[in-house]
Protein backbone atom coordinates (compact mmCIF):
# COMPACT_ATOMS: atom_id res chain seq x y z
CA MET A 1 -82.42 -228.10 -84.62
CA ALA A 2 -79.12 -228.75 -84.83
CA ARG A 3 -76.45 -226.84 -82.87
CA TYR A 4 -75.10 -223.78 -84.73
CA THR A 5 -72.09 -224.31 -86.40
CA GLY A 6 -72.25 -221.04 -88.74
CA PRO A 7 -70.26 -217.99 -88.36
CA LYS A 8 -70.38 -216.81 -85.08
CA THR A 9 -69.47 -213.15 -85.93
CA LYS A 10 -73.27 -212.92 -87.39
CA ILE A 11 -74.59 -214.50 -84.32
CA ALA A 12 -72.61 -211.46 -82.26
CA ARG A 13 -73.80 -208.98 -85.01
CA LYS A 14 -77.41 -210.34 -84.28
CA PHE A 15 -77.02 -209.33 -80.63
CA GLY A 16 -74.90 -206.37 -80.90
CA GLU A 17 -72.06 -207.39 -78.80
CA ALA A 18 -69.64 -210.09 -79.16
CA ILE A 19 -70.66 -212.67 -76.67
CA TYR A 20 -68.10 -215.88 -78.01
CA GLY A 21 -65.14 -213.18 -77.10
CA THR A 22 -62.87 -210.99 -78.57
CA ASP A 23 -63.65 -210.83 -82.81
CA LYS A 24 -61.98 -208.66 -84.91
CA TYR A 25 -64.38 -209.06 -87.33
CA PHE A 26 -67.15 -207.71 -84.90
CA ASP A 27 -65.57 -204.75 -84.13
CA LYS A 28 -65.33 -203.99 -88.11
CA ARG A 29 -68.59 -204.80 -88.15
CA SER A 30 -70.59 -204.37 -84.98
CA TYR A 31 -74.29 -203.46 -86.80
CA ALA A 32 -76.69 -206.04 -87.30
CA PRO A 33 -76.16 -208.70 -90.46
CA GLY A 34 -77.89 -208.51 -93.63
CA GLN A 35 -77.60 -206.72 -96.93
CA HIS A 36 -79.60 -203.21 -95.02
CA GLY A 37 -77.63 -204.32 -91.21
CA ALA A 38 -75.81 -200.80 -91.19
CA SER A 39 -78.37 -198.49 -92.37
CA LYS A 40 -82.24 -200.54 -91.15
CA LYS A 41 -83.62 -198.65 -88.86
CA ARG A 42 -84.87 -200.75 -86.34
CA LYS A 43 -88.76 -201.12 -84.93
CA THR A 44 -89.48 -201.00 -80.95
CA GLU A 45 -89.38 -205.03 -79.63
CA SER A 46 -91.96 -205.85 -77.82
CA GLU A 47 -91.89 -207.19 -74.43
CA TYR A 48 -91.24 -210.82 -75.72
CA ALA A 49 -89.30 -210.14 -78.36
CA ILE A 50 -86.94 -208.62 -75.91
CA GLN A 51 -87.40 -211.60 -73.55
CA LEU A 52 -86.93 -214.25 -76.28
CA LYS A 53 -83.38 -212.63 -77.69
CA GLU A 54 -81.78 -212.51 -73.94
CA LYS A 55 -82.82 -216.07 -74.10
CA GLN A 56 -81.38 -216.69 -77.78
CA LYS A 57 -78.28 -214.78 -76.21
CA ALA A 58 -77.73 -217.15 -73.24
CA LYS A 59 -78.35 -220.37 -75.52
CA TYR A 60 -75.34 -219.24 -78.35
CA THR A 61 -73.21 -218.19 -75.41
CA TYR A 62 -73.39 -221.61 -73.51
CA GLY A 63 -73.92 -223.45 -77.11
CA MET A 64 -76.72 -225.23 -76.10
CA LEU A 65 -80.07 -226.39 -77.71
CA GLU A 66 -83.60 -225.44 -77.06
CA ARG A 67 -85.01 -228.48 -75.41
CA GLN A 68 -81.22 -228.81 -73.15
CA PHE A 69 -82.40 -225.36 -72.57
CA ARG A 70 -85.27 -225.76 -71.15
CA ASN A 71 -84.51 -228.48 -69.24
CA LEU A 72 -81.81 -227.04 -67.41
CA PHE A 73 -84.43 -224.09 -66.59
CA GLU A 74 -86.73 -226.48 -65.08
CA LYS A 75 -84.36 -227.74 -62.70
CA ALA A 76 -83.41 -224.55 -62.01
CA ALA A 77 -87.11 -223.64 -61.21
CA ARG A 78 -87.56 -226.49 -59.15
CA LYS A 79 -84.13 -226.08 -56.92
CA LYS A 80 -84.77 -223.95 -53.76
CA GLY A 81 -83.74 -220.48 -54.14
CA VAL A 82 -83.82 -217.65 -57.22
CA THR A 83 -84.55 -219.42 -60.16
CA GLY A 84 -82.59 -216.99 -62.49
CA ASP A 85 -79.21 -217.70 -60.02
CA ASN A 86 -79.75 -221.31 -59.97
CA LEU A 87 -80.07 -221.25 -63.77
CA PHE A 88 -76.20 -219.50 -64.13
CA LYS A 89 -75.28 -222.08 -61.31
CA PHE A 90 -75.87 -225.11 -63.67
CA LEU A 91 -74.88 -223.27 -66.90
CA GLU A 92 -71.50 -222.63 -65.04
CA ALA A 93 -71.22 -226.13 -63.76
CA ARG A 94 -71.53 -227.70 -67.42
CA LEU A 95 -67.92 -229.25 -68.06
CA ASP A 96 -67.80 -228.18 -71.63
CA ASN A 97 -68.02 -224.49 -69.81
CA THR A 98 -65.89 -225.45 -67.08
CA ILE A 99 -62.71 -226.78 -69.28
CA PHE A 100 -63.26 -222.89 -70.66
CA ARG A 101 -63.50 -221.40 -67.79
CA LEU A 102 -60.55 -223.44 -66.36
CA GLY A 103 -58.15 -221.86 -69.72
CA PHE A 104 -57.84 -225.67 -71.01
CA ALA A 105 -60.03 -224.51 -74.27
CA ALA A 106 -59.79 -221.14 -76.47
CA SER A 107 -63.55 -221.64 -76.25
CA ARG A 108 -66.57 -223.22 -75.08
CA GLN A 109 -66.65 -224.99 -78.47
CA GLN A 110 -63.17 -226.07 -78.38
CA GLY A 111 -64.08 -227.22 -74.50
CA ARG A 112 -66.74 -229.03 -75.84
CA GLN A 113 -64.63 -230.61 -78.52
CA LEU A 114 -62.25 -231.81 -76.11
CA VAL A 115 -64.56 -233.43 -73.79
CA THR A 116 -66.52 -235.40 -77.03
CA HIS A 117 -62.92 -236.73 -78.00
CA LYS A 118 -62.71 -238.51 -74.42
CA HIS A 119 -59.77 -236.08 -73.56
CA VAL A 120 -61.35 -234.87 -70.37
CA THR A 121 -61.42 -236.74 -66.99
CA VAL A 122 -63.54 -235.75 -63.58
CA ASN A 123 -62.29 -237.18 -60.66
CA GLY A 124 -59.80 -239.68 -62.77
CA GLU A 125 -62.30 -241.25 -64.86
CA VAL A 126 -63.07 -240.13 -68.85
CA VAL A 127 -65.90 -238.21 -69.09
CA ASN A 128 -67.16 -237.53 -72.58
CA ILE A 129 -70.48 -235.75 -72.10
CA PRO A 130 -70.68 -232.17 -72.42
CA SER A 131 -73.21 -231.38 -70.72
CA PHE A 132 -72.35 -233.42 -67.51
CA THR A 133 -72.91 -231.27 -64.25
CA LEU A 134 -69.97 -231.12 -61.83
CA LYS A 135 -70.72 -230.81 -58.13
CA PRO A 136 -68.37 -229.37 -55.46
CA GLY A 137 -64.86 -230.91 -54.63
CA ASP A 138 -64.74 -232.26 -58.27
CA VAL A 139 -61.52 -232.37 -59.77
CA VAL A 140 -61.42 -231.91 -63.67
CA GLY A 141 -58.10 -232.82 -65.57
CA LEU A 142 -57.03 -233.91 -68.87
CA ARG A 143 -55.81 -237.44 -69.91
CA GLU A 144 -51.98 -237.80 -69.82
CA ARG A 145 -51.47 -237.93 -73.41
CA SER A 146 -53.82 -234.87 -74.02
CA LYS A 147 -51.98 -232.14 -71.81
CA ASN A 148 -49.25 -231.33 -74.74
CA LEU A 149 -52.52 -231.04 -77.18
CA THR A 150 -51.40 -227.88 -79.24
CA VAL A 151 -54.63 -226.50 -78.59
CA VAL A 152 -54.32 -226.96 -74.81
CA GLN A 153 -50.99 -225.31 -74.74
CA ASP A 154 -52.01 -222.42 -76.56
CA ALA A 155 -54.95 -222.06 -74.67
CA ILE A 156 -53.03 -222.43 -71.38
CA SER A 157 -50.30 -219.63 -72.44
CA LYS A 158 -53.05 -217.02 -72.75
CA LYS A 159 -52.70 -216.68 -69.12
CA GLY A 160 -57.09 -216.10 -69.04
CA LYS A 161 -59.38 -214.68 -66.54
CA ARG A 162 -59.31 -216.67 -63.02
CA PHE A 163 -62.44 -217.24 -61.39
CA ASN A 164 -63.38 -217.62 -57.66
CA TRP A 165 -65.16 -220.61 -57.81
CA LEU A 166 -62.09 -222.87 -59.45
CA VAL A 167 -58.77 -223.65 -58.21
CA VAL A 168 -56.23 -224.18 -61.04
CA ASP A 169 -53.35 -226.01 -61.43
CA GLU A 170 -51.69 -225.19 -64.54
CA LYS A 171 -48.50 -227.86 -64.38
CA ALA A 172 -51.05 -230.67 -63.87
CA VAL A 173 -53.33 -229.35 -66.29
CA THR A 174 -56.31 -229.95 -63.75
CA GLY A 175 -58.83 -228.07 -61.82
CA THR A 176 -61.09 -228.05 -58.99
CA PHE A 177 -65.13 -227.06 -59.39
CA VAL A 178 -65.24 -225.62 -55.65
CA ASP A 179 -68.39 -224.39 -55.58
CA TYR A 180 -71.72 -223.11 -58.00
CA PRO A 181 -70.68 -219.07 -58.25
CA GLU A 182 -72.59 -216.65 -57.61
CA ARG A 183 -74.59 -214.58 -60.29
CA ASP A 184 -72.63 -211.45 -59.74
CA GLN A 185 -69.35 -213.57 -60.05
CA VAL A 186 -70.42 -214.73 -63.74
CA PRO A 187 -69.07 -211.90 -66.37
CA GLU A 188 -71.48 -213.09 -69.00
CA ASN A 189 -73.94 -210.09 -70.15
CA ILE A 190 -77.26 -211.54 -69.78
CA ASN A 191 -80.20 -210.30 -67.90
CA GLU A 192 -81.80 -213.41 -66.84
CA GLN A 193 -84.81 -211.99 -65.08
CA LEU A 194 -85.81 -211.67 -68.91
CA ILE A 195 -85.37 -215.82 -69.28
CA VAL A 196 -87.26 -216.55 -66.39
CA GLU A 197 -90.11 -214.09 -67.34
CA LEU A 198 -90.29 -215.47 -70.88
CA TYR A 199 -90.74 -218.92 -69.26
CA SER A 200 -93.27 -218.06 -66.89
CA LYS A 201 -95.72 -216.96 -69.44
């Protein structure tokens, strides 16, 4: 399966919430996609369908493929602690997600593009792997020639939300991954317990 590159609003409507952030098109048509989306009566979903939907929502939110997500879940399950909490720690520690959280990209997809195009550094070294997992203390930044990119400056100018597990230096366009976040610090509306139940079957 290739990475989804189609209309984001269609996916957001599928889940009934703007999972990619503010979306004026979703606000206009927040009902399910398709010809009969606005009028179709929804059947009662099975337990499996609800769990699958939650997993799919997490995958689309973080821009991951099935095998990647499954491997990350298995890594979270092997680690000591609560599997659902560990899963979110690893998701938030991804490099593409961190670029987005630091406010250097307007979306995770844009963060991913910055990484793959070799604009991003970790501890001074260029890293072009979006799934690269950061460790506490890692310093993330942009290459000198990349700091003035229009997309970067536009994202920084929006002064997005700040997160407790990241320290940002806007002037230097760098940020420090201080520690893995606790689940209650991550704002995503995803029920990780349903994902754990799905993969535990």
